[in-house]
Amino acid sequence: MTLSRFVLAAALAACIAGIGGFAYGVSVGTAQEQAAQKRADAAAEAERRKLQGVIDAAEEHRQSAEYARQANTREITREVATVVERPVYRSTCIDADGVGLLDRAAANANGEDLARPAGPAPASPEGATR
């Protein structure tokens, strides 16, 4: 009976040692995986910084080229007065009401007074010769 107890105690000790070894192996494996992940993250961060440096250099070059272009460019603005004696409508298919609406739209676009009533369209020189 003492031999069986000794064998049982040895088996129990072996099981405990196995469980302890398994736990130790898991912790070592976890540490190795974390170290590998940390190395991979550091490599990815270094690559990101390298690419960001290239992007920043390109942006700086683009800005300096834009400043140089702006320094060599001058903008000329001229205002030209347009004088229209009377509006000319080339389509003969617009009736008097349509011409009145067009006149009012043109007056509205030009900021003229809209208080005057829309009357019949002035006679065009084309219509008088026909």
Protein backbone atom coordinates (compact mmCIF):
# COMPACT_ATOMS: atom_id res chain seq x y z
CA MET A 1 0.00 0.00 0.00
CA THR A 2 2.84 2.38 0.55
CA LEU A 3 4.09 1.69 -2.95
CA SER A 4 0.74 2.65 -4.46
CA ARG A 5 0.67 5.82 -2.41
CA PHE A 6 4.17 6.61 -3.56
CA VAL A 7 3.18 6.01 -7.19
CA LEU A 8 0.05 8.12 -6.73
CA ALA A 9 2.08 10.95 -5.16
CA ALA A 10 4.61 10.73 -8.00
CA ALA A 11 1.82 10.82 -10.60
CA LEU A 12 0.26 13.82 -8.85
CA ALA A 13 3.65 15.58 -8.73
CA ALA A 14 4.15 14.82 -12.42
CA CYS A 15 0.71 16.27 -13.25
CA ILE A 16 1.42 19.41 -11.23
CA ALA A 17 4.83 19.74 -12.89
CA GLY A 18 3.19 19.27 -16.31
CA ILE A 19 0.56 21.92 -15.56
CA GLY A 20 3.28 24.28 -14.29
CA GLY A 21 5.39 23.60 -17.38
CA PHE A 22 2.41 24.25 -19.61
CA ALA A 23 1.68 27.56 -17.86
CA TYR A 24 5.34 28.55 -18.13
CA GLY A 25 5.37 27.64 -21.82
CA VAL A 26 2.23 29.68 -22.44
CA SER A 27 3.75 32.71 -20.70
CA VAL A 28 7.01 32.33 -22.66
CA GLY A 29 5.08 31.95 -25.93
CA THR A 30 2.96 35.00 -25.12
CA ALA A 31 6.08 37.03 -24.38
CA GLN A 32 7.66 35.90 -27.67
CA GLU A 33 4.53 36.81 -29.63
CA GLN A 34 4.34 40.21 -27.95
CA ALA A 35 8.00 40.86 -28.75
CA ALA A 36 7.45 39.85 -32.38
CA GLN A 37 4.39 42.11 -32.60
CA LYS A 38 6.37 44.97 -31.07
CA ARG A 39 9.13 44.51 -33.66
CA ALA A 40 6.55 44.43 -36.47
CA ASP A 41 4.87 47.59 -35.12
CA ALA A 42 8.23 49.36 -34.88
CA ALA A 43 9.08 48.40 -38.48
CA ALA A 44 5.67 49.61 -39.70
CA GLU A 45 6.10 52.89 -37.79
CA ALA A 46 9.57 53.39 -39.30
CA GLU A 47 8.15 52.79 -42.80
CA ARG A 48 5.29 55.20 -42.10
CA ARG A 49 7.72 57.89 -40.93
CA LYS A 50 9.87 57.34 -44.01
CA LEU A 51 6.86 57.70 -46.35
CA GLN A 52 5.60 60.72 -44.40
CA GLY A 53 9.00 62.33 -44.88
CA VAL A 54 8.75 61.76 -48.63
CA ILE A 55 5.24 63.24 -48.66
CA ASP A 56 6.35 66.27 -46.63
CA ALA A 57 9.32 66.87 -48.95
CA ALA A 58 7.08 66.67 -52.01
CA GLU A 59 4.58 69.07 -50.43
CA GLU A 60 7.35 71.52 -49.57
CA HIS A 61 8.66 71.34 -53.14
CA ARG A 62 5.14 71.90 -54.52
CA GLN A 63 4.62 74.92 -52.26
CA SER A 64 7.94 76.49 -53.24
CA ALA A 65 7.09 75.95 -56.92
CA GLU A 66 3.67 77.54 -56.36
CA TYR A 67 5.23 80.56 -54.62
CA ALA A 68 7.67 80.96 -57.51
CA ARG A 69 4.83 80.72 -60.02
CA GLN A 70 2.80 83.31 -58.13
CA ALA A 71 5.78 85.65 -57.96
CA ASN A 72 6.17 85.47 -61.75
CA THR A 73 2.48 85.90 -62.49
CA ARG A 74 0.68 89.17 -62.44
CA GLU A 75 -3.01 89.50 -62.65
CA ILE A 76 -4.55 92.09 -64.90
CA THR A 77 -8.16 93.02 -64.35
CA ARG A 78 -9.98 95.28 -66.77
CA GLU A 79 -13.55 96.35 -66.63
CA VAL A 80 -15.21 96.80 -69.96
CA ALA A 81 -18.44 98.72 -70.19
CA THR A 82 -20.98 97.14 -72.49
CA VAL A 83 -23.60 99.37 -74.01
CA VAL A 84 -26.76 97.81 -75.36
CA GLU A 85 -29.14 100.23 -76.96
CA ARG A 86 -31.95 97.74 -77.17
CA PRO A 87 -32.09 93.99 -76.76
CA VAL A 88 -32.04 91.93 -79.92
CA TYR A 89 -33.95 88.68 -80.02
CA ARG A 90 -33.02 86.60 -83.03
CA SER A 91 -35.82 84.10 -82.74
CA THR A 92 -39.07 85.18 -84.37
CA CYS A 93 -41.11 82.58 -82.54
CA ILE A 94 -41.35 84.62 -79.30
CA ASP A 95 -44.64 86.45 -78.90
CA ALA A 96 -45.05 89.81 -77.17
CA ASP A 97 -45.65 88.26 -73.74
CA GLY A 98 -42.45 86.21 -74.06
CA VAL A 99 -40.46 89.27 -75.08
CA GLY A 100 -41.86 91.14 -72.08
CA LEU A 101 -40.80 88.30 -69.79
CA LEU A 102 -37.33 88.31 -71.31
CA ASP A 103 -37.10 92.08 -70.85
CA ARG A 104 -38.11 91.77 -67.21
CA ALA A 105 -35.60 88.94 -66.65
CA ALA A 106 -32.83 91.05 -68.22
CA ALA A 107 -33.84 94.05 -66.11
CA ASN A 108 -33.84 91.88 -62.99
CA ALA A 109 -30.41 90.48 -63.85
CA ASN A 110 -29.03 93.97 -64.45
CA GLY A 111 -30.56 95.32 -61.24
CA GLU A 112 -32.84 97.77 -63.00
CA ASP A 113 -36.18 98.99 -61.71
CA LEU A 114 -38.90 96.37 -62.08
CA ALA A 115 -41.71 98.75 -61.25
CA ARG A 116 -42.43 99.59 -64.88
CA PRO A 117 -45.11 97.38 -66.40
CA ALA A 118 -44.16 94.83 -68.99
CA GLY A 119 -45.56 96.18 -72.19
CA PRO A 120 -45.47 94.93 -75.72
CA ALA A 121 -42.07 94.39 -77.25
CA PRO A 122 -40.64 97.23 -79.30
CA ALA A 123 -40.90 96.70 -83.02
CA SER A 124 -37.79 95.08 -84.37
CA PRO A 125 -36.24 96.38 -87.60
CA GLU A 126 -36.52 92.89 -89.07
CA GLY A 127 -40.30 92.85 -88.57
CA ALA A 128 -40.70 96.29 -90.14
CA THR A 129 -39.00 95.27 -93.36
CA ARG A 130 -41.14 92.21 -93.94
